[in-house]
Amino acid sequence: MKQKIQLSCQTSALAELRRFLERQLESTSLSERDRHQVTLAVEEVCANLIIHSHKCNGRDHIFLSMNDLPDRIVFEIEDQGEAFNLLQYEAPDIQRVISEKRKGGLGIILVKKIMDEIQFESHQGTNTCRLIKFFQS
């Protein structure tokens, strides 16, 4: 079943996103650990869009749909902000991040580790990021 939510591009909307994800993921066959990790991954992508692509402009919105299929869950995150293709992201040197005591820059690494597939497309001003998590058999 497909569920949808529209979020304003403000960091305060992330609490609403978490509640939505917790409610929707509860009825899936994911373990509690996987539900927590998937929530973290989806929230990370949405937070990056809100902060970096939309500069926390509350007049902008991102749209999230969650499709619970028999063998997987597919999240589609759509927006009209500045495109950021997760697939082209080059991970920073973790040791360098640690030694420089830098904040940030590691969230996308987590998303790539948590989700089984990531797809990105941009068409006529609309960016779509698909995050896919397969159920364990």
N, C-alpha and C. Protein backbone atom coordinates (compact mmCIF):
# COMPACT_ATOMS: atom_id res chain seq x y z
N MET A 1 0.84 -1.17 0.00
CA MET A 1 0.00 0.00 0.00
C MET A 1 0.89 1.24 0.00
N LYS A 2 0.49 2.25 -0.76
CA LYS A 2 1.27 3.47 -0.88
C LYS A 2 0.75 4.54 0.07
N GLN A 3 1.65 5.10 0.86
CA GLN A 3 1.34 6.19 1.78
C GLN A 3 2.15 7.41 1.38
N LYS A 4 1.59 8.61 1.58
CA LYS A 4 2.28 9.83 1.17
C LYS A 4 2.24 10.88 2.27
N ILE A 5 3.26 11.75 2.24
CA ILE A 5 3.29 12.89 3.14
C ILE A 5 3.99 14.05 2.42
N GLN A 6 3.52 15.25 2.69
CA GLN A 6 4.14 16.48 2.18
C GLN A 6 4.75 17.19 3.37
N LEU A 7 6.01 17.59 3.23
CA LEU A 7 6.72 18.25 4.33
C LEU A 7 7.20 19.63 3.89
N SER A 8 7.01 20.61 4.75
CA SER A 8 7.59 21.93 4.46
C SER A 8 9.10 21.83 4.68
N CYS A 9 9.84 22.64 3.98
CA CYS A 9 11.30 22.57 4.05
C CYS A 9 11.83 23.36 5.24
N GLN A 10 11.44 22.89 6.41
CA GLN A 10 11.94 23.43 7.68
C GLN A 10 12.39 22.24 8.52
N THR A 11 13.44 22.41 9.29
CA THR A 11 13.94 21.29 10.09
C THR A 11 12.90 20.81 11.10
N SER A 12 11.98 21.68 11.50
CA SER A 12 10.93 21.25 12.43
C SER A 12 10.02 20.18 11.82
N ALA A 13 9.99 20.08 10.49
CA ALA A 13 9.16 19.07 9.82
C ALA A 13 9.74 17.66 9.97
N LEU A 14 11.00 17.56 10.40
CA LEU A 14 11.62 16.24 10.55
C LEU A 14 10.97 15.41 11.64
N ALA A 15 10.44 16.05 12.68
CA ALA A 15 9.72 15.32 13.74
C ALA A 15 8.45 14.71 13.17
N GLU A 16 7.75 15.45 12.33
CA GLU A 16 6.55 14.94 11.66
C GLU A 16 6.91 13.76 10.76
N LEU A 17 8.03 13.88 10.06
CA LEU A 17 8.51 12.80 9.19
C LEU A 17 8.78 11.53 10.01
N ARG A 18 9.46 11.68 11.15
CA ARG A 18 9.76 10.53 12.00
C ARG A 18 8.49 9.83 12.47
N ARG A 19 7.51 10.61 12.90
CA ARG A 19 6.24 10.03 13.35
C ARG A 19 5.55 9.27 12.21
N PHE A 20 5.55 9.87 11.02
CA PHE A 20 4.96 9.22 9.85
C PHE A 20 5.65 7.89 9.57
N LEU A 21 6.98 7.90 9.54
CA LEU A 21 7.74 6.69 9.25
C LEU A 21 7.52 5.62 10.31
N GLU A 22 7.54 6.01 11.57
CA GLU A 22 7.33 5.03 12.64
C GLU A 22 5.96 4.37 12.51
N ARG A 23 4.93 5.16 12.23
CA ARG A 23 3.57 4.62 12.07
C ARG A 23 3.49 3.67 10.88
N GLN A 24 4.05 4.09 9.76
CA GLN A 24 3.93 3.30 8.54
C GLN A 24 4.80 2.02 8.58
N LEU A 25 5.98 2.13 9.15
CA LEU A 25 6.90 0.99 9.17
C LEU A 25 6.49 -0.07 10.18
N GLU A 26 5.68 0.31 11.17
CA GLU A 26 5.23 -0.63 12.20
C GLU A 26 4.54 -1.85 11.62
N SER A 27 3.80 -1.66 10.54
CA SER A 27 3.02 -2.76 9.96
C SER A 27 3.79 -3.57 8.92
N THR A 28 5.07 -3.26 8.72
CA THR A 28 5.87 -4.01 7.75
C THR A 28 6.54 -5.21 8.41
N SER A 29 7.17 -6.04 7.61
CA SER A 29 7.86 -7.20 8.16
C SER A 29 9.32 -6.90 8.52
N LEU A 30 9.71 -5.62 8.50
CA LEU A 30 11.07 -5.27 8.91
C LEU A 30 11.24 -5.46 10.41
N SER A 31 12.44 -5.85 10.81
CA SER A 31 12.74 -5.96 12.24
C SER A 31 12.77 -4.55 12.84
N GLU A 32 12.72 -4.48 14.15
CA GLU A 32 12.78 -3.17 14.83
C GLU A 32 14.07 -2.44 14.47
N ARG A 33 15.16 -3.18 14.42
CA ARG A 33 16.47 -2.59 14.07
C ARG A 33 16.43 -2.02 12.65
N ASP A 34 15.89 -2.80 11.70
CA ASP A 34 15.81 -2.34 10.31
C ASP A 34 14.88 -1.13 10.18
N ARG A 35 13.77 -1.13 10.93
CA ARG A 35 12.85 0.01 10.90
C ARG A 35 13.57 1.28 11.36
N HIS A 36 14.36 1.15 12.43
CA HIS A 36 15.11 2.29 12.95
C HIS A 36 16.13 2.78 11.90
N GLN A 37 16.84 1.85 11.29
CA GLN A 37 17.85 2.22 10.30
C GLN A 37 17.24 2.86 9.06
N VAL A 38 16.13 2.31 8.60
CA VAL A 38 15.45 2.87 7.43
C VAL A 38 14.95 4.27 7.74
N THR A 39 14.40 4.46 8.93
CA THR A 39 13.96 5.80 9.35
C THR A 39 15.14 6.77 9.32
N LEU A 40 16.27 6.34 9.83
CA LEU A 40 17.47 7.16 9.84
C LEU A 40 17.89 7.55 8.41
N ALA A 41 17.86 6.59 7.49
CA ALA A 41 18.27 6.84 6.11
C ALA A 41 17.33 7.82 5.41
N VAL A 42 16.03 7.59 5.53
CA VAL A 42 15.06 8.48 4.88
C VAL A 42 15.15 9.88 5.48
N GLU A 43 15.26 9.94 6.79
CA GLU A 43 15.37 11.24 7.46
C GLU A 43 16.63 11.98 7.02
N GLU A 44 17.72 11.27 6.84
CA GLU A 44 18.98 11.89 6.41
C GLU A 44 18.82 12.53 5.03
N VAL A 45 18.21 11.80 4.10
CA VAL A 45 18.02 12.35 2.75
C VAL A 45 17.11 13.58 2.81
N CYS A 46 16.02 13.48 3.55
CA CYS A 46 15.08 14.61 3.66
C CYS A 46 15.74 15.80 4.34
N ALA A 47 16.50 15.57 5.39
CA ALA A 47 17.19 16.66 6.09
C ALA A 47 18.18 17.35 5.16
N ASN A 48 18.91 16.58 4.37
CA ASN A 48 19.86 17.17 3.43
C ASN A 48 19.14 18.04 2.40
N LEU A 49 18.00 17.57 1.91
CA LEU A 49 17.23 18.37 0.95
C LEU A 49 16.74 19.66 1.60
N ILE A 50 16.17 19.54 2.78
CA ILE A 50 15.63 20.71 3.48
C ILE A 50 16.73 21.74 3.74
N ILE A 51 17.87 21.29 4.25
CA ILE A 51 18.94 22.20 4.67
C ILE A 51 19.76 22.71 3.49
N HIS A 52 20.21 21.78 2.64
CA HIS A 52 21.17 22.17 1.59
C HIS A 52 20.51 22.59 0.28
N SER A 53 19.48 21.89 -0.13
CA SER A 53 18.86 22.18 -1.41
C SER A 53 17.85 23.32 -1.31
N HIS A 54 17.11 23.36 -0.19
CA HIS A 54 16.05 24.37 -0.04
C HIS A 54 16.38 25.47 0.97
N LYS A 55 17.54 25.37 1.61
CA LYS A 55 18.00 26.40 2.57
C LYS A 55 16.94 26.71 3.64
N CYS A 56 16.22 25.65 4.09
CA CYS A 56 15.20 25.78 5.15
C CYS A 56 14.11 26.79 4.80
N ASN A 57 13.76 26.86 3.53
CA ASN A 57 12.71 27.77 3.07
C ASN A 57 11.35 27.09 3.27
N GLY A 58 10.61 27.53 4.27
CA GLY A 58 9.32 26.93 4.62
C GLY A 58 8.26 27.02 3.53
N ARG A 59 8.48 27.86 2.52
CA ARG A 59 7.53 27.93 1.40
C ARG A 59 7.73 26.78 0.42
N ASP A 60 8.88 26.13 0.49
CA ASP A 60 9.16 24.97 -0.37
C ASP A 60 8.69 23.70 0.33
N HIS A 61 8.48 22.66 -0.47
CA HIS A 61 8.02 21.38 0.07
C HIS A 61 8.77 20.22 -0.56
N ILE A 62 8.87 19.14 0.20
CA ILE A 62 9.32 17.87 -0.36
C ILE A 62 8.17 16.88 -0.16
N PHE A 63 8.12 15.91 -1.03
CA PHE A 63 7.04 14.93 -1.03
C PHE A 63 7.64 13.54 -0.87
N LEU A 64 7.13 12.80 0.08
CA LEU A 64 7.61 11.45 0.34
C LEU A 64 6.46 10.47 0.15
N SER A 65 6.72 9.43 -0.63
CA SER A 65 5.76 8.33 -0.69
C SER A 65 6.48 7.06 -0.29
N MET A 66 5.73 6.19 0.38
CA MET A 66 6.26 4.90 0.82
C MET A 66 5.35 3.82 0.26
N ASN A 67 5.93 2.93 -0.51
CA ASN A 67 5.16 1.85 -1.12
C ASN A 67 5.63 0.52 -0.52
N ASP A 68 4.75 -0.10 0.25
CA ASP A 68 5.05 -1.37 0.92
C ASP A 68 4.65 -2.51 -0.01
N LEU A 69 5.64 -3.11 -0.64
CA LEU A 69 5.42 -4.20 -1.60
C LEU A 69 5.70 -5.53 -0.92
N PRO A 70 5.32 -6.66 -1.53
CA PRO A 70 5.53 -7.96 -0.88
C PRO A 70 6.99 -8.27 -0.52
N ASP A 71 7.95 -7.81 -1.33
CA ASP A 71 9.35 -8.17 -1.09
C ASP A 71 10.24 -7.00 -0.70
N ARG A 72 9.67 -5.78 -0.66
CA ARG A 72 10.50 -4.59 -0.39
C ARG A 72 9.63 -3.39 -0.04
N ILE A 73 10.31 -2.37 0.44
CA ILE A 73 9.69 -1.06 0.65
C ILE A 73 10.43 -0.08 -0.25
N VAL A 74 9.65 0.74 -0.96
CA VAL A 74 10.23 1.75 -1.84
C VAL A 74 9.80 3.13 -1.33
N PHE A 75 10.78 3.97 -1.06
CA PHE A 75 10.53 5.35 -0.67
C PHE A 75 10.88 6.23 -1.86
N GLU A 76 9.98 7.12 -2.23
CA GLU A 76 10.26 8.10 -3.27
C GLU A 76 10.18 9.48 -2.65
N ILE A 77 11.28 10.21 -2.77
CA ILE A 77 11.37 11.56 -2.23
C ILE A 77 11.49 12.49 -3.43
N GLU A 78 10.51 13.39 -3.57
CA GLU A 78 10.50 14.32 -4.71
C GLU A 78 10.57 15.75 -4.22
N ASP A 79 11.29 16.56 -4.99
CA ASP A 79 11.35 17.99 -4.71
C ASP A 79 11.71 18.73 -5.97
N GLN A 80 11.62 20.06 -5.90
CA GLN A 80 12.00 20.92 -7.02
C GLN A 80 13.19 21.80 -6.66
N GLY A 81 13.99 21.36 -5.72
CA GLY A 81 15.15 22.15 -5.30
C GLY A 81 16.36 21.88 -6.18
N GLU A 82 17.49 22.37 -5.72
CA GLU A 82 18.76 22.14 -6.41
C GLU A 82 19.05 20.64 -6.38
N ALA A 83 19.29 20.07 -7.54
CA ALA A 83 19.48 18.61 -7.64
C ALA A 83 20.76 18.18 -6.95
N PHE A 84 20.66 17.08 -6.21
CA PHE A 84 21.82 16.46 -5.58
C PHE A 84 21.69 14.96 -5.81
N ASN A 85 22.56 14.41 -6.64
CA ASN A 85 22.51 13.00 -6.97
C ASN A 85 23.36 12.22 -5.98
N LEU A 86 22.68 11.46 -5.11
CA LEU A 86 23.38 10.64 -4.12
C LEU A 86 24.36 9.67 -4.76
N LEU A 87 24.04 9.21 -5.95
CA LEU A 87 24.87 8.21 -6.61
C LEU A 87 26.22 8.79 -7.03
N GLN A 88 26.30 10.11 -7.22
CA GLN A 88 27.56 10.74 -7.63
C GLN A 88 28.37 11.25 -6.44
N TYR A 89 27.84 11.06 -5.24
CA TYR A 89 28.50 11.53 -4.03
C TYR A 89 29.77 10.73 -3.78
N GLU A 90 30.86 11.44 -3.56
CA GLU A 90 32.12 10.79 -3.22
C GLU A 90 32.33 10.92 -1.72
N ALA A 91 32.43 9.80 -1.08
CA ALA A 91 32.56 9.78 0.38
C ALA A 91 33.90 10.40 0.80
N PRO A 92 33.86 11.17 1.89
CA PRO A 92 35.12 11.73 2.40
C PRO A 92 35.95 10.65 3.07
N ASP A 93 37.22 10.93 3.23
CA ASP A 93 38.11 10.03 3.96
C ASP A 93 37.71 10.11 5.44
N ILE A 94 37.20 9.02 5.98
CA ILE A 94 36.68 9.01 7.34
C ILE A 94 37.76 9.37 8.35
N GLN A 95 38.96 8.88 8.15
CA GLN A 95 40.05 9.21 9.08
C GLN A 95 40.33 10.71 9.09
N ARG A 96 40.22 11.32 7.93
CA ARG A 96 40.45 12.77 7.83
C ARG A 96 39.33 13.53 8.55
N VAL A 97 38.11 13.09 8.38
CA VAL A 97 36.97 13.73 9.06
C VAL A 97 37.17 13.66 10.56
N ILE A 98 37.60 12.49 11.05
CA ILE A 98 37.83 12.30 12.48
C ILE A 98 38.97 13.18 12.97
N SER A 99 40.08 13.18 12.24
CA SER A 99 41.24 13.95 12.68
C SER A 99 40.97 15.45 12.65
N GLU A 100 40.13 15.91 11.72
CA GLU A 100 39.79 17.33 11.64
C GLU A 100 38.63 17.69 12.56
N LYS A 101 38.07 16.66 13.22
CA LYS A 101 36.92 16.85 14.12
C LYS A 101 35.79 17.60 13.44
N ARG A 102 35.59 17.24 12.18
CA ARG A 102 34.58 17.89 11.35
C ARG A 102 33.21 17.31 11.63
N LYS A 103 32.19 18.14 11.66
CA LYS A 103 30.82 17.66 11.79
C LYS A 103 30.24 17.48 10.40
N GLY A 104 29.42 16.47 10.25
CA GLY A 104 28.72 16.27 8.98
C GLY A 104 29.55 15.53 7.96
N GLY A 105 28.90 15.25 6.84
CA GLY A 105 29.58 14.60 5.73
C GLY A 105 29.51 13.09 5.74
N LEU A 106 28.97 12.50 6.80
CA LEU A 106 28.94 11.04 6.88
C LEU A 106 27.53 10.45 6.69
N GLY A 107 26.52 11.28 6.67
CA GLY A 107 25.14 10.79 6.56
C GLY A 107 24.86 10.00 5.30
N ILE A 108 25.42 10.47 4.19
CA ILE A 108 25.17 9.79 2.91
C ILE A 108 25.82 8.40 2.93
N ILE A 109 26.95 8.27 3.61
CA ILE A 109 27.59 6.96 3.74
C ILE A 109 26.64 6.01 4.46
N LEU A 110 26.00 6.49 5.52
CA LEU A 110 25.02 5.67 6.25
C LEU A 110 23.86 5.26 5.35
N VAL A 111 23.34 6.21 4.58
CA VAL A 111 22.21 5.90 3.68
C VAL A 111 22.61 4.79 2.72
N LYS A 112 23.79 4.89 2.16
CA LYS A 112 24.24 3.87 1.19
C LYS A 112 24.44 2.51 1.86
N LYS A 113 24.83 2.49 3.12
CA LYS A 113 25.01 1.22 3.83
C LYS A 113 23.67 0.60 4.25
N ILE A 114 22.71 1.44 4.61
CA ILE A 114 21.43 0.95 5.12
C ILE A 114 20.52 0.46 4.00
N MET A 115 20.41 1.24 2.94
CA MET A 115 19.45 0.91 1.87
C MET A 115 20.08 -0.07 0.89
N ASP A 116 19.24 -0.93 0.30
CA ASP A 116 19.75 -1.93 -0.64
C ASP A 116 19.94 -1.35 -2.04
N GLU A 117 19.10 -0.40 -2.41
CA GLU A 117 19.23 0.26 -3.72
C GLU A 117 18.91 1.73 -3.56
N ILE A 118 19.61 2.56 -4.35
CA ILE A 118 19.33 3.99 -4.41
C ILE A 118 19.25 4.35 -5.89
N GLN A 119 18.19 5.05 -6.25
CA GLN A 119 18.03 5.51 -7.63
C GLN A 119 17.78 7.01 -7.59
N PHE A 120 18.27 7.71 -8.61
CA PHE A 120 18.07 9.15 -8.67
C PHE A 120 17.75 9.55 -10.10
N GLU A 121 16.79 10.45 -10.24
CA GLU A 121 16.51 11.02 -11.56
C GLU A 121 16.03 12.45 -11.39
N SER A 122 16.28 13.24 -12.40
CA SER A 122 15.82 14.62 -12.42
C SER A 122 15.20 14.85 -13.78
N HIS A 123 13.95 15.33 -13.77
CA HIS A 123 13.23 15.51 -15.04
C HIS A 123 12.35 16.75 -14.94
N GLN A 124 12.60 17.70 -15.84
CA GLN A 124 11.80 18.93 -15.92
C GLN A 124 11.64 19.62 -14.57
N GLY A 125 12.73 19.73 -13.84
CA GLY A 125 12.74 20.46 -12.58
C GLY A 125 12.31 19.68 -11.35
N THR A 126 11.90 18.42 -11.55
CA THR A 126 11.53 17.59 -10.40
C THR A 126 12.59 16.53 -10.19
N ASN A 127 13.13 16.49 -8.98
CA ASN A 127 14.14 15.50 -8.60
C ASN A 127 13.45 14.38 -7.83
N THR A 128 13.81 13.14 -8.16
CA THR A 128 13.25 11.99 -7.45
C THR A 128 14.39 11.11 -6.98
N CYS A 129 14.39 10.84 -5.68
CA CYS A 129 15.35 9.91 -5.09
C CYS A 129 14.54 8.72 -4.58
N ARG A 130 14.89 7.52 -5.05
CA ARG A 130 14.23 6.29 -4.60
C ARG A 130 15.18 5.52 -3.71
N LEU A 131 14.69 5.20 -2.52
CA LEU A 131 15.44 4.39 -1.56
C LEU A 131 14.69 3.08 -1.41
N ILE A 132 15.39 1.96 -1.63
CA ILE A 132 14.72 0.65 -1.63
C ILE A 132 15.37 -0.25 -0.59
N LYS A 133 14.51 -0.87 0.21
CA LYS A 133 14.95 -1.84 1.23
C LYS A 133 14.20 -3.14 1.00
N PHE A 134 14.94 -4.21 0.75
CA PHE A 134 14.33 -5.53 0.55
C PHE A 134 14.12 -6.21 1.90
N PHE A 135 13.07 -6.99 1.99
CA PHE A 135 12.81 -7.75 3.20
C PHE A 135 13.73 -8.97 3.21
N GLN A 136 14.19 -9.34 4.39
CA GLN A 136 15.01 -10.56 4.53
C GLN A 136 14.11 -11.77 4.33
N SER A 137 14.61 -12.76 3.63
CA SER A 137 13.77 -13.97 3.42
C SER A 137 14.00 -15.00 4.49
